[in-house]
Structure formats: structure tokens, C-alpha cells
Amino acid sequence: MDLFSFPPLAAVLQAAYGALLGLADILTPLAGAASAALAVVLVTLLVRVALIPVGVSQAKAEQTRARLAPRLRALQERHRRDPERLQRETMKLYQDENASPWAGCLPLLAQAPVVGVIYALFLHTSIAGHANALLTQSLWGAPLGTSLFGALTAGTLSAAVVPAVVVVLIAAVGELTRRLVRPPASPDSPVAARMAGVAGVLQFVTAGIAVFVPLAAGLYLFVTVTWTLGQRVVLRRRYPLP
């Protein structure tokens, strides 16, 4: 079932299509055949600018979690045989500190609808009953509607080069993020060490997603992870971890 067949979502998709196509037309004198790709980059930057307050909130929450880590470990030791009590006491601690353990998820949740719309824009062959002109757009010869996986399975290696470069760049940014802004793991806390390891793996999940989504969505992901890295480096200095 296509979710965008429902009238409200179809209207959102049509509006996004008109806006992105209009922006691409404006950028054509500047970017030529890559105007749609540049439009996706500009949309990504606008979204990230709008989410700066969410990023600040995330940095504050990360600082709070690091500050509360010793008290959380004490609760885990005290109530390790009573999971329900541990959950209640953990939530009470966060409430007392006016913090949320889920604050770090806000940027991902806020961007999910945008990624979904961009994905749909370059997945549908027709929008509102007419051909999807965005699918004729390309970046350095690679159609914006083609994914790395799709190009490889179709045997069109020339169309796979640009998506492959985007995936590699996303992975490189993930490695930089892992090295520069990973939370410090306490040597006396196996749980913290495991969480740090999981966080390192999650940095590369975006690169895995980019293998399967259209190139346009891959561009969005690359710009947003790059922005996120820069923003987290700046905010880490503003809100240093204890």
C-alpha cells in the first residue's frame, strides 16, 4: 500500500514536488543539470537551520546525562534485581533534573518526515496524475532517482559511481563523528562501554540506508550528517561533558 495515495499525504507530496521543482528551475541558470540536486542540498540546509534549537536541546540533554551517569549507575546497582523499580527511579531522577532520556532522538524524529517526502518524490514515476519531472534530473550523469543498490543490480555501473561516492562520504563523516564526538565511556561501567560501542556502530547505519535510497535522498543524508557533525563539535565546546 502506498501511503502517499491517501489524499492528505498526496497533497503534501504534490506541494513538495511543486516547491522543489520551482526551486530547481530558479537554480538552473546557476547549476544547470544539477539544479535539482542543489535544490535538495538547499532544502536540507533550511531544515537543519530550523532544527538548531533542537540540536541545542540535544547537547544540553547529553551534558545532563553525562552529569547524571554516576547516579544512574548507583540506581542500577541498588535496584538491579527489580527492573520496574529501577525504571521508576530512573524516570524520577530525570524528572527531578527536568531532563528527558529521549531528547537525543528529537533530531531524528523531526527529520523523518522530510526524508520520507524526499524519498517519495524520487520514487514515484507520476505525481498528481502527471509524469514526475524530477526523475529526469541528474547529478554528474547519475539520475537522482537511482540508488546505488538499484544501479548495481541493473548493471549500470556508470550510474553507480556518484551514489557510491555519496555512500563513502557518509561513512567517512560517520567515522569522524565517532572519533570526535562519541560520549566518553567510564572504564568501571560495562553498560557505558557497551553503549559507546553501539553508538559507534550506529554512526554507519546512515551509510547503509544511503545504499538503498534514491541519490536525492542520499544527498540529503550526506548534508545532514555533515551538518550534524559540525554542529555537535561546536555545541560540545559550548556544553562540555563532565
Protein backbone atom coordinates (compact mmCIF):
# COMPACT_ATOMS: atom_id res chain seq x y z
CA MET A 1 0.00 0.00 0.00
CA ASP A 2 1.29 3.43 -0.99
CA LEU A 3 0.87 5.80 1.96
CA PHE A 4 1.05 8.77 -0.38
CA SER A 5 -2.13 7.61 -2.11
CA PHE A 6 -4.11 8.97 0.83
CA PRO A 7 -5.42 12.47 -0.02
CA PRO A 8 -3.66 14.41 2.80
CA LEU A 9 -0.28 12.80 2.10
CA ALA A 10 -0.82 13.09 -1.65
CA ALA A 11 -1.41 16.82 -1.18
CA VAL A 12 1.82 17.11 0.85
CA LEU A 13 3.74 15.24 -1.85
CA GLN A 14 2.30 17.41 -4.61
CA ALA A 15 3.13 20.61 -2.71
CA ALA A 16 6.68 19.41 -2.04
CA TYR A 17 7.04 18.43 -5.69
CA GLY A 18 5.96 21.87 -6.89
CA ALA A 19 8.23 23.64 -4.40
CA LEU A 20 11.31 21.54 -5.20
CA LEU A 21 10.75 21.74 -8.94
CA GLY A 22 10.24 25.51 -8.71
CA LEU A 23 13.44 25.90 -6.70
CA ALA A 24 15.30 23.75 -9.24
CA ASP A 25 14.03 25.99 -12.06
CA ILE A 26 15.32 29.06 -10.21
CA LEU A 27 18.73 27.42 -9.74
CA THR A 28 19.04 26.19 -13.34
CA PRO A 29 21.00 29.26 -14.58
CA LEU A 30 23.48 28.66 -11.75
CA ALA A 31 23.70 24.87 -11.58
CA GLY A 32 22.45 23.68 -14.95
CA ALA A 33 21.63 19.96 -15.00
CA ALA A 34 22.49 19.70 -11.29
CA SER A 35 19.87 22.28 -10.29
CA ALA A 36 17.57 19.69 -8.67
CA ALA A 37 20.48 18.25 -6.68
CA LEU A 38 21.40 21.73 -5.49
CA ALA A 39 17.76 22.32 -4.57
CA VAL A 40 17.85 19.20 -2.37
CA VAL A 41 21.02 20.49 -0.68
CA LEU A 42 19.43 23.89 -0.02
CA VAL A 43 16.29 22.27 1.39
CA THR A 44 18.47 20.17 3.68
CA LEU A 45 20.29 23.27 4.93
CA LEU A 46 16.98 25.06 5.57
CA VAL A 47 15.73 22.08 7.57
CA ARG A 48 18.93 21.95 9.60
CA VAL A 49 18.82 25.68 10.34
CA ALA A 50 15.25 25.27 11.56
CA LEU A 51 16.39 22.42 13.81
CA ILE A 52 19.22 24.33 15.51
CA PRO A 53 17.13 24.78 18.70
CA VAL A 54 16.56 21.01 18.74
CA GLY A 55 20.30 20.47 18.40
CA VAL A 56 20.95 22.78 21.35
CA SER A 57 18.38 20.86 23.38
CA GLN A 58 20.11 17.61 22.42
CA ALA A 59 23.52 18.95 23.52
CA LYS A 60 22.08 20.05 26.87
CA ALA A 61 20.46 16.63 27.32
CA GLU A 62 23.75 14.88 26.54
CA GLN A 63 25.50 17.05 29.12
CA THR A 64 22.80 16.25 31.67
CA ARG A 65 23.02 12.51 31.00
CA ALA A 66 26.80 12.60 31.46
CA ARG A 67 26.38 14.50 34.72
CA LEU A 68 23.78 12.02 35.96
CA ALA A 69 25.77 8.94 34.91
CA PRO A 70 27.22 8.21 38.40
CA ARG A 71 23.76 8.46 39.99
CA LEU A 72 22.27 6.26 37.29
CA ARG A 73 24.95 3.63 37.90
CA ALA A 74 24.15 3.78 41.61
CA LEU A 75 20.47 3.18 40.85
CA GLN A 76 21.38 0.23 38.63
CA GLU A 77 23.41 -1.32 41.41
CA ARG A 78 20.74 -0.66 44.03
CA HIS A 79 17.79 -1.98 42.01
CA ARG A 80 19.42 -4.46 39.64
CA ARG A 81 17.06 -7.19 40.83
CA ASP A 82 13.94 -5.04 40.48
CA PRO A 83 13.65 -3.74 36.88
CA GLU A 84 10.33 -1.99 37.48
CA ARG A 85 11.67 -0.10 40.49
CA LEU A 86 14.80 0.78 38.50
CA GLN A 87 12.68 2.21 35.68
CA ARG A 88 10.57 4.27 38.10
CA GLU A 89 13.59 5.63 39.94
CA THR A 90 15.37 6.42 36.67
CA MET A 91 12.41 8.37 35.32
CA LYS A 92 12.03 10.16 38.66
CA LEU A 93 15.68 11.19 38.53
CA TYR A 94 15.23 12.63 35.04
CA GLN A 95 12.03 14.41 36.13
CA ASP A 96 13.76 15.91 39.15
CA GLU A 97 16.50 17.20 36.85
CA ASN A 98 13.94 18.50 34.31
CA ALA A 99 15.53 16.32 31.62
CA SER A 100 14.44 13.57 29.26
CA PRO A 101 16.29 10.36 28.35
CA TRP A 102 14.76 10.60 24.87
CA ALA A 103 15.93 14.13 24.00
CA GLY A 104 18.70 12.75 21.78
CA CYS A 105 16.09 11.22 19.47
CA LEU A 106 14.40 14.54 18.67
CA PRO A 107 16.54 15.49 15.63
CA LEU A 108 15.96 12.09 14.03
CA LEU A 109 12.23 12.21 14.66
CA ALA A 110 11.96 15.79 13.40
CA GLN A 111 13.75 14.97 10.14
CA ALA A 112 11.99 11.69 9.43
CA PRO A 113 9.02 13.30 7.59
CA VAL A 114 11.37 15.35 5.39
CA VAL A 115 13.46 12.32 4.45
CA GLY A 116 10.27 10.39 3.74
CA VAL A 117 8.92 13.07 1.42
CA ILE A 118 12.21 13.41 -0.48
CA TYR A 119 12.39 9.63 -0.78
CA ALA A 120 8.84 9.54 -2.18
CA LEU A 121 9.50 12.41 -4.60
CA PHE A 122 12.20 10.41 -6.36
CA LEU A 123 10.42 7.08 -6.09
CA HIS A 124 7.10 7.84 -7.77
CA THR A 125 7.05 7.88 -11.56
CA SER A 126 3.96 10.11 -11.52
CA ILE A 127 2.70 12.72 -9.08
CA ALA A 128 -0.83 14.15 -9.14
CA GLY A 129 -1.52 12.33 -12.40
CA HIS A 130 1.42 13.70 -14.38
CA ALA A 131 4.92 12.45 -15.07
CA ASN A 132 7.49 13.14 -12.36
CA ALA A 133 9.89 15.59 -13.98
CA LEU A 134 12.31 15.28 -11.06
CA LEU A 135 13.25 11.81 -12.27
CA THR A 136 14.78 13.35 -15.38
CA GLN A 137 17.20 15.36 -13.22
CA SER A 138 20.71 14.10 -12.56
CA LEU A 139 23.97 14.84 -10.79
CA TRP A 140 27.11 14.38 -12.89
CA GLY A 141 25.26 11.95 -15.10
CA ALA A 142 23.67 9.90 -12.31
CA PRO A 143 19.85 10.11 -12.16
CA LEU A 144 18.62 11.45 -8.83
CA GLY A 145 16.04 8.68 -8.69
CA THR A 146 18.64 5.90 -8.88
CA SER A 147 20.06 4.21 -5.79
CA LEU A 148 23.46 2.53 -5.53
CA PHE A 149 21.77 -0.82 -5.00
CA GLY A 150 19.45 -0.28 -7.97
CA ALA A 151 22.28 0.76 -10.26
CA LEU A 152 24.40 -2.25 -9.30
CA THR A 153 21.57 -4.75 -9.70
CA ALA A 154 20.65 -3.22 -13.07
CA GLY A 155 24.27 -3.47 -14.20
CA THR A 156 24.54 0.27 -14.97
CA LEU A 157 27.91 0.80 -13.34
CA SER A 158 28.28 4.33 -14.72
CA ALA A 159 25.15 5.38 -12.79
CA ALA A 160 26.52 3.77 -9.62
CA VAL A 161 29.65 5.93 -9.33
CA VAL A 162 28.06 9.07 -7.86
CA PRO A 163 25.80 7.20 -5.40
CA ALA A 164 28.82 5.13 -4.33
CA VAL A 165 30.82 8.31 -3.67
CA VAL A 166 27.95 9.70 -1.58
CA VAL A 167 27.77 6.49 0.47
CA VAL A 168 31.55 6.55 1.07
CA LEU A 169 31.40 10.20 2.13
CA ILE A 170 28.57 9.47 4.56
CA ALA A 171 30.62 6.62 6.05
CA ALA A 172 33.67 8.92 6.33
CA VAL A 173 31.62 11.54 8.18
CA GLY A 174 30.31 8.76 10.42
CA GLU A 175 33.85 7.76 11.32
CA LEU A 176 34.80 11.37 12.06
CA THR A 177 31.71 11.69 14.24
CA ARG A 178 32.62 8.50 16.10
CA ARG A 179 36.12 9.78 16.77
CA LEU A 180 35.34 13.41 17.59
CA VAL A 181 32.06 13.46 19.49
CA ARG A 182 31.48 9.99 20.90
CA PRO A 183 30.48 10.06 24.58
CA PRO A 184 33.24 9.03 26.96
CA ALA A 185 32.78 5.53 28.37
CA SER A 186 33.51 5.03 32.01
CA PRO A 187 36.06 2.21 32.47
CA ASP A 188 34.21 0.94 35.56
CA SER A 189 30.86 0.72 33.76
CA PRO A 190 30.38 -2.20 31.35
CA VAL A 191 26.97 -0.77 30.39
CA ALA A 192 28.50 2.55 29.40
CA ALA A 193 31.18 0.79 27.43
CA ARG A 194 28.58 -1.24 25.53
CA MET A 195 26.53 1.90 24.85
CA ALA A 196 29.62 3.66 23.47
CA GLY A 197 30.26 0.68 21.20
CA VAL A 198 26.68 0.68 19.95
CA ALA A 199 26.86 4.43 19.32
CA GLY A 200 29.95 3.87 17.19
CA VAL A 201 28.14 1.28 15.06
CA LEU A 202 25.06 3.47 14.67
CA GLN A 203 27.18 6.16 13.01
CA PHE A 204 27.39 3.91 9.95
CA VAL A 205 23.71 2.99 9.78
CA THR A 206 23.04 6.10 7.68
CA ALA A 207 25.60 4.94 5.11
CA GLY A 208 23.82 1.59 4.93
CA ILE A 209 20.48 3.34 4.36
CA ALA A 210 22.03 5.50 1.63
CA VAL A 211 22.87 2.36 -0.36
CA PHE A 212 19.17 1.69 -0.95
CA VAL A 213 17.51 5.12 -1.15
CA PRO A 214 17.46 7.33 -4.28
CA LEU A 215 20.52 9.51 -4.85
CA ALA A 216 18.49 12.61 -3.94
CA ALA A 217 17.71 11.18 -0.50
CA GLY A 218 21.38 10.15 -0.21
CA LEU A 219 22.38 13.78 -0.80
CA TYR A 220 20.01 14.83 1.95
CA LEU A 221 21.55 12.29 4.31
CA PHE A 222 25.11 13.37 3.45
CA VAL A 223 24.43 17.05 4.01
CA THR A 224 22.56 16.43 7.24
CA VAL A 225 25.22 14.14 8.79
CA THR A 226 27.92 16.65 7.83
CA TRP A 227 25.93 19.49 9.36
CA THR A 228 25.26 17.39 12.46
CA LEU A 229 28.97 16.70 12.92
CA GLY A 230 29.89 20.37 12.70
CA GLN A 231 27.02 21.38 14.97
CA ARG A 232 27.90 18.78 17.59
CA VAL A 233 31.56 19.85 17.62
CA VAL A 234 30.52 23.46 18.21
CA LEU A 235 27.89 22.60 20.83
CA ARG A 236 30.22 20.19 22.62
CA ARG A 237 32.51 23.17 23.26
CA ARG A 238 29.53 25.23 24.43
CA TYR A 239 28.15 22.43 26.60
CA PRO A 240 31.18 20.30 27.54
CA LEU A 241 30.70 16.91 29.12
CA PRO A 242 31.89 16.48 32.69
